Amino acid sequence: MYDQSKRPRHEVVMINRRSLAISGVKNVESFDSEEFLLETEAGFMTIRGQNLHMKNLSLETGEVAIEGLVHEMGYLEQGQTGDRTKGFFGKLFK
């Protein structure tokens, strides 16, 4: 059986589609008011919605809090991230 105690913890808590608390975040790859791309312990995670903004960020503890109306949330399979992993500077210097 797989021992989960050795794997870092990743949790997502959503309240009324308006508030997200995410733990196990390694990096914030990109974000704007309509989409966030996060690298988590469970893989790349995308959050899409309206008026999204980061309420709190602590990469030391791996926690991110996001507010706004969430329309979609999911994980990307390996190789599916494409241009998204370039981050802010990759988009800026296209």
PDB file of N, CA and C in Angstrom:
ATOM      1  N   MET A   1       0.838  -1.192   0.000  1.00  0.00           N
ATOM      2  CA  MET A   1       0.000   0.000   0.000  1.00  0.00           C
ATOM      3  C   MET A   1       0.877   1.247   0.000  1.00  0.00           C
ATOM      4  N   TYR A   2       0.413   2.309  -0.598  1.00  0.00           N
ATOM      5  CA  TYR A   2       1.146   3.572  -0.739  1.00  0.00           C
ATOM      6  C   TYR A   2       1.119   4.351   0.570  1.00  0.00           C
ATOM      7  N   ASP A   3       2.285   4.818   1.039  1.00  0.00           N
ATOM      8  CA  ASP A   3       2.401   5.578   2.281  1.00  0.00           C
ATOM      9  C   ASP A   3       2.332   7.068   1.976  1.00  0.00           C
ATOM     10  N   GLN A   4       1.204   7.702   2.321  1.00  0.00           N
ATOM     11  CA  GLN A   4       1.020   9.119   2.033  1.00  0.00           C
ATOM     12  C   GLN A   4       1.731  10.020   3.026  1.00  0.00           C
ATOM     13  N   SER A   5       2.199   9.498   4.143  1.00  0.00           N
ATOM     14  CA  SER A   5       2.840  10.336   5.153  1.00  0.00           C
ATOM     15  C   SER A   5       4.166  10.916   4.666  1.00  0.00           C
ATOM     16  N   LYS A   6       4.788  10.310   3.663  1.00  0.00           N
ATOM     17  CA  LYS A   6       6.061  10.802   3.135  1.00  0.00           C
ATOM     18  C   LYS A   6       5.870  11.860   2.057  1.00  0.00           C
ATOM     19  N   ARG A   7       4.669  12.002   1.559  1.00  0.00           N
ATOM     20  CA  ARG A   7       4.385  12.971   0.507  1.00  0.00           C
ATOM     21  C   ARG A   7       3.899  14.284   1.136  1.00  0.00           C
ATOM     22  N   PRO A   8       4.426  15.435   0.680  1.00  0.00           N
ATOM     23  CA  PRO A   8       3.933  16.711   1.221  1.00  0.00           C
ATOM     24  C   PRO A   8       2.436  16.857   0.987  1.00  0.00           C
ATOM     25  N   ARG A   9       1.787  17.522   1.898  1.00  0.00           N
ATOM     26  CA  ARG A   9       0.329  17.649   1.878  1.00  0.00           C
ATOM     27  C   ARG A   9      -0.135  18.747   0.911  1.00  0.00           C
ATOM     28  N   HIS A  10      -1.201  18.458   0.181  1.00  0.00           N
ATOM     29  CA  HIS A  10      -1.815  19.414  -0.748  1.00  0.00           C
ATOM     30  C   HIS A  10      -3.316  19.411  -0.489  1.00  0.00           C
ATOM     31  N   GLU A  11      -3.853  20.580  -0.118  1.00  0.00           N
ATOM     32  CA  GLU A  11      -5.274  20.691   0.161  1.00  0.00           C
ATOM     33  C   GLU A  11      -5.868  21.885  -0.568  1.00  0.00           C
ATOM     34  N   VAL A  12      -7.135  21.752  -0.946  1.00  0.00           N
ATOM     35  CA  VAL A  12      -7.881  22.843  -1.568  1.00  0.00           C
ATOM     36  C   VAL A  12      -9.198  22.979  -0.809  1.00  0.00           C
ATOM     37  N   VAL A  13      -9.454  24.185  -0.316  1.00  0.00           N
ATOM     38  CA  VAL A  13     -10.711  24.471   0.372  1.00  0.00           C
ATOM     39  C   VAL A  13     -11.380  25.627  -0.362  1.00  0.00           C
ATOM     40  N   MET A  14     -12.622  25.387  -0.846  1.00  0.00           N
ATOM     41  CA  MET A  14     -13.364  26.432  -1.540  1.00  0.00           C
ATOM     42  C   MET A  14     -14.641  26.723  -0.761  1.00  0.00           C
ATOM     43  N   ILE A  15     -14.936  28.021  -0.625  1.00  0.00           N
ATOM     44  CA  ILE A  15     -16.143  28.437   0.065  1.00  0.00           C
ATOM     45  C   ILE A  15     -16.991  29.264  -0.908  1.00  0.00           C
ATOM     46  N   ASN A  16     -18.184  28.750  -1.215  1.00  0.00           N
ATOM     47  CA  ASN A  16     -19.173  29.437  -2.059  1.00  0.00           C
ATOM     48  C   ASN A  16     -18.624  29.927  -3.403  1.00  0.00           C
ATOM     49  N   ARG A  17     -17.681  29.222  -3.970  1.00  0.00           N
ATOM     50  CA  ARG A  17     -17.075  29.583  -5.265  1.00  0.00           C
ATOM     51  C   ARG A  17     -16.432  30.965  -5.254  1.00  0.00           C
ATOM     52  N   ARG A  18     -16.240  31.573  -4.103  1.00  0.00           N
ATOM     53  CA  ARG A  18     -15.701  32.932  -4.007  1.00  0.00           C
ATOM     54  C   ARG A  18     -14.376  33.007  -3.257  1.00  0.00           C
ATOM     55  N   SER A  19     -14.009  31.980  -2.550  1.00  0.00           N
ATOM     56  CA  SER A  19     -12.792  32.009  -1.744  1.00  0.00           C
ATOM     57  C   SER A  19     -12.102  30.648  -1.807  1.00  0.00           C
ATOM     58  N   LEU A  20     -10.813  30.657  -2.129  1.00  0.00           N
ATOM     59  CA  LEU A  20     -10.014  29.430  -2.197  1.00  0.00           C
ATOM     60  C   LEU A  20      -8.829  29.540  -1.258  1.00  0.00           C
ATOM     61  N   ALA A  21      -8.565  28.486  -0.529  1.00  0.00           N
ATOM     62  CA  ALA A  21      -7.352  28.369   0.275  1.00  0.00           C
ATOM     63  C   ALA A  21      -6.648  27.101  -0.204  1.00  0.00           C
ATOM     64  N   ILE A  22      -5.414  27.245  -0.668  1.00  0.00           N
ATOM     65  CA  ILE A  22      -4.689  26.124  -1.261  1.00  0.00           C
ATOM     66  C   ILE A  22      -3.363  25.959  -0.524  1.00  0.00           C
ATOM     67  N   SER A  23      -3.061  24.735  -0.111  1.00  0.00           N
ATOM     68  CA  SER A  23      -1.773  24.440   0.514  1.00  0.00           C
ATOM     69  C   SER A  23      -0.994  23.481  -0.385  1.00  0.00           C
ATOM     70  N   GLY A  24       0.286  23.357  -0.148  1.00  0.00           N
ATOM     71  CA  GLY A  24       1.126  22.496  -0.975  1.00  0.00           C
ATOM     72  C   GLY A  24       1.512  23.148  -2.284  1.00  0.00           C
ATOM     73  N   VAL A  25       1.538  24.488  -2.302  1.00  0.00           N
ATOM     74  CA  VAL A  25       1.899  25.228  -3.510  1.00  0.00           C
ATOM     75  C   VAL A  25       3.409  25.430  -3.542  1.00  0.00           C
ATOM     76  N   LYS A  26       4.027  25.005  -4.634  1.00  0.00           N
ATOM     77  CA  LYS A  26       5.469  25.173  -4.816  1.00  0.00           C
ATOM     78  C   LYS A  26       5.812  26.501  -5.474  1.00  0.00           C
ATOM     79  N   ASN A  27       4.973  26.918  -6.434  1.00  0.00           N
ATOM     80  CA  ASN A  27       5.274  28.115  -7.211  1.00  0.00           C
ATOM     81  C   ASN A  27       4.001  28.649  -7.864  1.00  0.00           C
ATOM     82  N   VAL A  28       3.937  29.971  -8.013  1.00  0.00           N
ATOM     83  CA  VAL A  28       2.865  30.600  -8.788  1.00  0.00           C
ATOM     84  C   VAL A  28       3.460  30.920 -10.148  1.00  0.00           C
ATOM     85  N   GLU A  29       3.069  30.159 -11.163  1.00  0.00           N
ATOM     86  CA  GLU A  29       3.653  30.311 -12.498  1.00  0.00           C
ATOM     87  C   GLU A  29       3.146  31.563 -13.201  1.00  0.00           C
ATOM     88  N   SER A  30       1.842  31.798 -13.145  1.00  0.00           N
ATOM     89  CA  SER A  30       1.264  32.988 -13.764  1.00  0.00           C
ATOM     90  C   SER A  30      -0.100  33.236 -13.146  1.00  0.00           C
ATOM     91  N   PHE A  31      -0.540  34.501 -13.229  1.00  0.00           N
ATOM     92  CA  PHE A  31      -1.874  34.824 -12.747  1.00  0.00           C
ATOM     93  C   PHE A  31      -2.332  36.157 -13.325  1.00  0.00           C
ATOM     94  N   ASP A  32      -3.631  36.257 -13.491  1.00  0.00           N
ATOM     95  CA  ASP A  32      -4.287  37.515 -13.833  1.00  0.00           C
ATOM     96  C   ASP A  32      -5.705  37.432 -13.283  1.00  0.00           C
ATOM     97  N   SER A  33      -6.558  38.367 -13.653  1.00  0.00           N
ATOM     98  CA  SER A  33      -7.901  38.412 -13.072  1.00  0.00           C
ATOM     99  C   SER A  33      -8.819  37.297 -13.573  1.00  0.00           C
ATOM    100  N   GLU A  34      -8.366  36.533 -14.579  1.00  0.00           N
ATOM    101  CA  GLU A  34      -9.197  35.459 -15.121  1.00  0.00           C
ATOM    102  C   GLU A  34      -8.593  34.061 -14.973  1.00  0.00           C
ATOM    103  N   GLU A  35      -7.287  33.959 -14.682  1.00  0.00           N
ATOM    104  CA  GLU A  35      -6.667  32.636 -14.601  1.00  0.00           C
ATOM    105  C   GLU A  35      -5.421  32.636 -13.718  1.00  0.00           C
ATOM    106  N   PHE A  36      -5.303  31.588 -12.914  1.00  0.00           N
ATOM    107  CA  PHE A  36      -4.118  31.335 -12.109  1.00  0.00           C
ATOM    108  C   PHE A  36      -3.535  30.001 -12.540  1.00  0.00           C
ATOM    109  N   LEU A  37      -2.219  29.909 -12.614  1.00  0.00           N
ATOM    110  CA  LEU A  37      -1.537  28.646 -12.868  1.00  0.00           C
ATOM    111  C   LEU A  37      -0.555  28.442 -11.728  1.00  0.00           C
ATOM    112  N   LEU A  38      -0.784  27.395 -10.937  1.00  0.00           N
ATOM    113  CA  LEU A  38       0.024  27.111  -9.767  1.00  0.00           C
ATOM    114  C   LEU A  38       0.720  25.769  -9.928  1.00  0.00           C
ATOM    115  N   GLU A  39       1.957  25.686  -9.473  1.00  0.00           N
ATOM    116  CA  GLU A  39       2.638  24.402  -9.389  1.00  0.00           C
ATOM    117  C   GLU A  39       2.457  23.906  -7.960  1.00  0.00           C
ATOM    118  N   THR A  40       1.792  22.765  -7.812  1.00  0.00           N
ATOM    119  CA  THR A  40       1.508  22.219  -6.485  1.00  0.00           C
ATOM    120  C   THR A  40       2.205  20.876  -6.310  1.00  0.00           C
ATOM    121  N   GLU A  41       2.116  20.344  -5.117  1.00  0.00           N
ATOM    122  CA  GLU A  41       2.675  19.022  -4.830  1.00  0.00           C
ATOM    123  C   GLU A  41       1.993  17.937  -5.657  1.00  0.00           C
ATOM    124  N   ALA A  42       0.775  18.203  -6.137  1.00  0.00           N
ATOM    125  CA  ALA A  42       0.019  17.226  -6.923  1.00  0.00           C
ATOM    126  C   ALA A  42       0.087  17.497  -8.421  1.00  0.00           C
ATOM    127  N   GLY A  43       0.904  18.473  -8.838  1.00  0.00           N
ATOM    128  CA  GLY A  43       1.027  18.814 -10.245  1.00  0.00           C
ATOM    129  C   GLY A  43       0.561  20.235 -10.508  1.00  0.00           C
ATOM    130  N   PHE A  44       0.526  20.613 -11.780  1.00  0.00           N
ATOM    131  CA  PHE A  44       0.097  21.959 -12.149  1.00  0.00           C
ATOM    132  C   PHE A  44      -1.421  22.063 -12.020  1.00  0.00           C
ATOM    133  N   MET A  45      -1.856  23.144 -11.402  1.00  0.00           N
ATOM    134  CA  MET A  45      -3.271  23.381 -11.150  1.00  0.00           C
ATOM    135  C   MET A  45      -3.674  24.690 -11.806  1.00  0.00           C
ATOM    136  N   THR A  46      -4.811  24.686 -12.491  1.00  0.00           N
ATOM    137  CA  THR A  46      -5.316  25.897 -13.120  1.00  0.00           C
ATOM    138  C   THR A  46      -6.655  26.268 -12.491  1.00  0.00           C
ATOM    139  N   ILE A  47      -6.828  27.563 -12.268  1.00  0.00           N
ATOM    140  CA  ILE A  47      -8.064  28.101 -11.710  1.00  0.00           C
ATOM    141  C   ILE A  47      -8.521  29.202 -12.646  1.00  0.00           C
ATOM    142  N   ARG A  48      -9.752  29.113 -13.113  1.00  0.00           N
ATOM    143  CA  ARG A  48     -10.289  30.128 -14.031  1.00  0.00           C
ATOM    144  C   ARG A  48     -11.549  30.725 -13.425  1.00  0.00           C
ATOM    145  N   GLY A  49     -11.744  32.040 -13.695  1.00  0.00           N
ATOM    146  CA  GLY A  49     -12.920  32.699 -13.162  1.00  0.00           C
ATOM    147  C   GLY A  49     -12.954  34.166 -13.522  1.00  0.00           C
ATOM    148  N   GLN A  50     -13.644  34.950 -12.695  1.00  0.00           N
ATOM    149  CA  GLN A  50     -13.787  36.387 -12.897  1.00  0.00           C
ATOM    150  C   GLN A  50     -13.296  37.123 -11.662  1.00  0.00           C
ATOM    151  N   ASN A  51     -12.656  38.259 -11.885  1.00  0.00           N
ATOM    152  CA  ASN A  51     -12.182  39.117 -10.798  1.00  0.00           C
ATOM    153  C   ASN A  51     -11.346  38.357  -9.775  1.00  0.00           C
ATOM    154  N   LEU A  52     -10.513  37.450 -10.253  1.00  0.00           N
ATOM    155  CA  LEU A  52      -9.653  36.683  -9.356  1.00  0.00           C
ATOM    156  C   LEU A  52      -8.502  37.566  -8.880  1.00  0.00           C
ATOM    157  N   HIS A  53      -8.192  37.473  -7.613  1.00  0.00           N
ATOM    158  CA  HIS A  53      -7.026  38.164  -7.080  1.00  0.00           C
ATOM    159  C   HIS A  53      -6.465  37.367  -5.903  1.00  0.00           C
ATOM    160  N   MET A  54      -5.171  37.538  -5.698  1.00  0.00           N
ATOM    161  CA  MET A  54      -4.475  36.828  -4.650  1.00  0.00           C
ATOM    162  C   MET A  54      -4.636  37.598  -3.346  1.00  0.00           C
ATOM    163  N   LYS A  55      -5.236  36.967  -2.384  1.00  0.00           N
ATOM    164  CA  LYS A  55      -5.443  37.594  -1.085  1.00  0.00           C
ATOM    165  C   LYS A  55      -4.220  37.383  -0.193  1.00  0.00           C
ATOM    166  N   ASN A  56      -3.600  36.220  -0.316  1.00  0.00           N
ATOM    167  CA  ASN A  56      -2.453  35.890   0.529  1.00  0.00           C
ATOM    168  C   ASN A  56      -1.541  34.927  -0.229  1.00  0.00           C
ATOM    169  N   LEU A  57      -0.229  35.101  -0.063  1.00  0.00           N
ATOM    170  CA  LEU A  57       0.747  34.210  -0.686  1.00  0.00           C
ATOM    171  C   LEU A  57       1.909  34.016   0.267  1.00  0.00           C
ATOM    172  N   SER A  58       2.230  32.770   0.562  1.00  0.00           N
ATOM    173  CA  SER A  58       3.402  32.433   1.352  1.00  0.00           C
ATOM    174  C   SER A  58       4.014  31.169   0.765  1.00  0.00           C
ATOM    175  N   LEU A  59       5.053  31.339  -0.051  1.00  0.00           N
ATOM    176  CA  LEU A  59       5.708  30.169  -0.632  1.00  0.00           C
ATOM    177  C   LEU A  59       6.558  29.431   0.403  1.00  0.00           C
ATOM    178  N   GLU A  60       6.910  30.115   1.498  1.00  0.00           N
ATOM    179  CA  GLU A  60       7.646  29.435   2.572  1.00  0.00           C
ATOM    180  C   GLU A  60       6.801  28.316   3.184  1.00  0.00           C
ATOM    181  N   THR A  61       5.503  28.601   3.373  1.00  0.00           N
ATOM    182  CA  THR A  61       4.598  27.585   3.927  1.00  0.00           C
ATOM    183  C   THR A  61       3.809  26.862   2.836  1.00  0.00           C
ATOM    184  N   GLY A  62       3.899  27.347   1.591  1.00  0.00           N
ATOM    185  CA  GLY A  62       3.198  26.711   0.480  1.00  0.00           C
ATOM    186  C   GLY A  62       1.713  27.010   0.450  1.00  0.00           C
ATOM    187  N   GLU A  63       1.308  28.179   0.961  1.00  0.00           N
ATOM    188  CA  GLU A  63      -0.114  28.505   1.037  1.00  0.00           C
ATOM    189  C   GLU A  63      -0.457  29.710   0.170  1.00  0.00           C
ATOM    190  N   VAL A  64      -1.589  29.601  -0.524  1.00  0.00           N
ATOM    191  CA  VAL A  64      -2.100  30.676  -1.370  1.00  0.00           C
ATOM    192  C   VAL A  64      -3.590  30.818  -1.090  1.00  0.00           C
ATOM    193  N   ALA A  65      -4.048  32.071  -0.971  1.00  0.00           N
ATOM    194  CA  ALA A  65      -5.477  32.350  -0.831  1.00  0.00           C
ATOM    195  C   ALA A  65      -5.900  33.203  -2.018  1.00  0.00           C
ATOM    196  N   ILE A  66      -6.986  32.800  -2.678  1.00  0.00           N
ATOM    197  CA  ILE A  66      -7.476  33.481  -3.873  1.00  0.00           C
ATOM    198  C   ILE A  66      -8.950  33.828  -3.651  1.00  0.00           C
ATOM    199  N   GLU A  67      -9.331  35.037  -4.059  1.00  0.00           N
ATOM    200  CA  GLU A  67     -10.730  35.454  -3.994  1.00  0.00           C
ATOM    201  C   GLU A  67     -11.212  35.841  -5.386  1.00  0.00           C
ATOM    202  N   GLY A  68     -12.498  35.729  -5.611  1.00  0.00           N
ATOM    203  CA  GLY A  68     -13.119  36.024  -6.895  1.00  0.00           C
ATOM    204  C   GLY A  68     -14.100  34.915  -7.221  1.00  0.00           C
ATOM    205  N   LEU A  69     -14.800  35.040  -8.332  1.00  0.00           N
ATOM    206  CA  LEU A  69     -15.779  34.025  -8.735  1.00  0.00           C
ATOM    207  C   LEU A  69     -15.076  32.929  -9.533  1.00  0.00           C
ATOM    208  N   VAL A  70     -15.061  31.718  -8.999  1.00  0.00           N
ATOM    209  CA  VAL A  70     -14.384  30.582  -9.630  1.00  0.00           C
ATOM    210  C   VAL A  70     -15.352  29.881 -10.582  1.00  0.00           C
ATOM    211  N   HIS A  71     -14.943  29.759 -11.859  1.00  0.00           N
ATOM    212  CA  HIS A  71     -15.738  29.043 -12.862  1.00  0.00           C
ATOM    213  C   HIS A  71     -15.231  27.620 -13.068  1.00  0.00           C
ATOM    214  N   GLU A  72     -13.908  27.453 -12.960  1.00  0.00           N
ATOM    215  CA  GLU A  72     -13.302  26.162 -13.296  1.00  0.00           C
ATOM    216  C   GLU A  72     -12.017  25.983 -12.509  1.00  0.00           C
ATOM    217  N   MET A  73     -11.774  24.741 -12.105  1.00  0.00           N
ATOM    218  CA  MET A  73     -10.552  24.415 -11.379  1.00  0.00           C
ATOM    219  C   MET A  73     -10.161  22.989 -11.767  1.00  0.00           C
ATOM    220  N   GLY A  74      -8.878  22.782 -12.059  1.00  0.00           N
ATOM    221  CA  GLY A  74      -8.449  21.444 -12.432  1.00  0.00           C
ATOM    222  C   GLY A  74      -6.947  21.315 -12.466  1.00  0.00           C
ATOM    223  N   TYR A  75      -6.492  20.114 -12.743  1.00  0.00           N
ATOM    224  CA  TYR A  75      -5.065  19.801 -12.817  1.00  0.00           C
ATOM    225  C   TYR A  75      -4.692  19.489 -14.259  1.00  0.00           C
ATOM    226  N   LEU A  76      -3.526  19.934 -14.651  1.00  0.00           N
ATOM    227  CA  LEU A  76      -3.036  19.677 -15.999  1.00  0.00           C
ATOM    228  C   LEU A  76      -2.150  18.438 -15.985  1.00  0.00           C
ATOM    229  N   GLU A  77      -2.291  17.628 -17.008  1.00  0.00           N
ATOM    230  CA  GLU A  77      -1.433  16.462 -17.153  1.00  0.00           C
ATOM    231  C   GLU A  77      -0.053  16.910 -17.632  1.00  0.00           C
ATOM    232  N   GLN A  78       0.972  16.112 -17.396  1.00  0.00           N
ATOM    233  CA  GLN A  78       2.313  16.456 -17.852  1.00  0.00           C
ATOM    234  C   GLN A  78       2.314  16.672 -19.345  1.00  0.00           C
ATOM    235  N   GLY A  79       3.025  17.714 -19.804  1.00  0.00           N
ATOM    236  CA  GLY A  79       3.092  18.030 -21.210  1.00  0.00           C
ATOM    237  C   GLY A  79       1.952  18.904 -21.684  1.00  0.00           C
ATOM    238  N   GLN A  80       0.967  19.139 -20.821  1.00  0.00           N
ATOM    239  CA  GLN A  80      -0.192  19.934 -21.191  1.00  0.00           C
ATOM    240  C   GLN A  80       0.000  21.409 -20.852  1.00  0.00           C
ATOM    241  N   THR A  81       1.034  21.748 -20.081  1.00  0.00           N
ATOM    242  CA  THR A  81       1.215  23.126 -19.646  1.00  0.00           C
ATOM    243  C   THR A  81       1.679  24.028 -20.771  1.00  0.00           C
ATOM    244  N   GLY A  82       2.482  23.544 -21.703  1.00  0.00           N
ATOM    245  CA  GLY A  82       2.903  24.308 -22.876  1.00  0.00           C
ATOM    246  C   GLY A  82       3.475  25.666 -22.541  1.00  0.00           C
ATOM    247  N   ASP A  83       2.949  26.726 -23.174  1.00  0.00           N
ATOM    248  CA  ASP A  83       3.434  28.087 -22.963  1.00  0.00           C
ATOM    249  C   ASP A  83       3.106  28.633 -21.584  1.00  0.00           C
ATOM    250  N   ARG A  84       2.207  28.020 -20.874  1.00  0.00           N
ATOM    251  CA  ARG A  84       1.778  28.552 -19.584  1.00  0.00           C
ATOM    252  C   ARG A  84       2.894  28.540 -18.552  1.00  0.00           C
ATOM    253  N   THR A  85       3.824  27.608 -18.637  1.00  0.00           N
ATOM    254  CA  THR A  85       4.877  27.526 -17.639  1.00  0.00           C
ATOM    255  C   THR A  85       5.962  28.569 -17.836  1.00  0.00           C
ATOM    256  N   LYS A  86       5.896  29.347 -18.883  1.00  0.00           N
ATOM    257  CA  LYS A  86       6.880  30.404 -19.105  1.00  0.00           C
ATOM    258  C   LYS A  86       6.743  31.518 -18.089  1.00  0.00           C
ATOM    259  N   GLY A  87       5.569  31.668 -17.506  1.00  0.00           N
ATOM    260  CA  GLY A  87       5.349  32.663 -16.498  1.00  0.00           C
ATOM    261  C   GLY A  87       5.254  34.072 -17.062  1.00  0.00           C
ATOM    262  N   PHE A  88       5.319  35.015 -16.166  1.00  0.00           N
ATOM    263  CA  PHE A  88       5.139  36.426 -16.510  1.00  0.00           C
ATOM    264  C   PHE A  88       6.168  36.914 -17.525  1.00  0.00           C
ATOM    265  N   PHE A  89       7.450  36.639 -17.293  1.00  0.00           N
ATOM    266  CA  PHE A  89       8.486  37.139 -18.194  1.00  0.00           C
ATOM    267  C   PHE A  89       8.444  36.458 -19.552  1.00  0.00           C
ATOM    268  N   GLY A  90       8.029  35.208 -19.606  1.00  0.00           N
ATOM    269  CA  GLY A  90       7.876  34.535 -20.889  1.00  0.00           C
ATOM    270  C   GLY A  90       6.813  35.198 -21.744  1.00  0.00           C
ATOM    271  N   LYS A  91       5.724  35.621 -21.112  1.00  0.00           N
ATOM    272  CA  LYS A  91       4.656  36.314 -21.834  1.00  0.00           C
ATOM    273  C   LYS A  91       5.092  37.726 -22.223  1.00  0.00           C
ATOM    274  N   LEU A  92       5.824  38.369 -21.341  1.00  0.00           N
ATOM    275  CA  LEU A  92       6.248  39.744 -21.558  1.00  0.00           C
ATOM    276  C   LEU A  92       7.195  39.869 -22.733  1.00  0.00           C
ATOM    277  N   PHE A  93       8.126  38.922 -22.892  1.00  0.00           N
ATOM    278  CA  PHE A  93       9.152  39.000 -23.924  1.00  0.00           C
ATOM    279  C   PHE A  93       8.888  38.087 -25.100  1.00  0.00           C
ATOM    280  N   LYS A  94       7.639  37.816 -25.430  1.00  0.00           N
ATOM    281  CA  LYS A  94       7.283  36.984 -26.582  1.00  0.00           C
ATOM    282  C   LYS A  94       7.763  37.565 -27.867  1.00  0.00           C
TER     283      LYS A  94
END
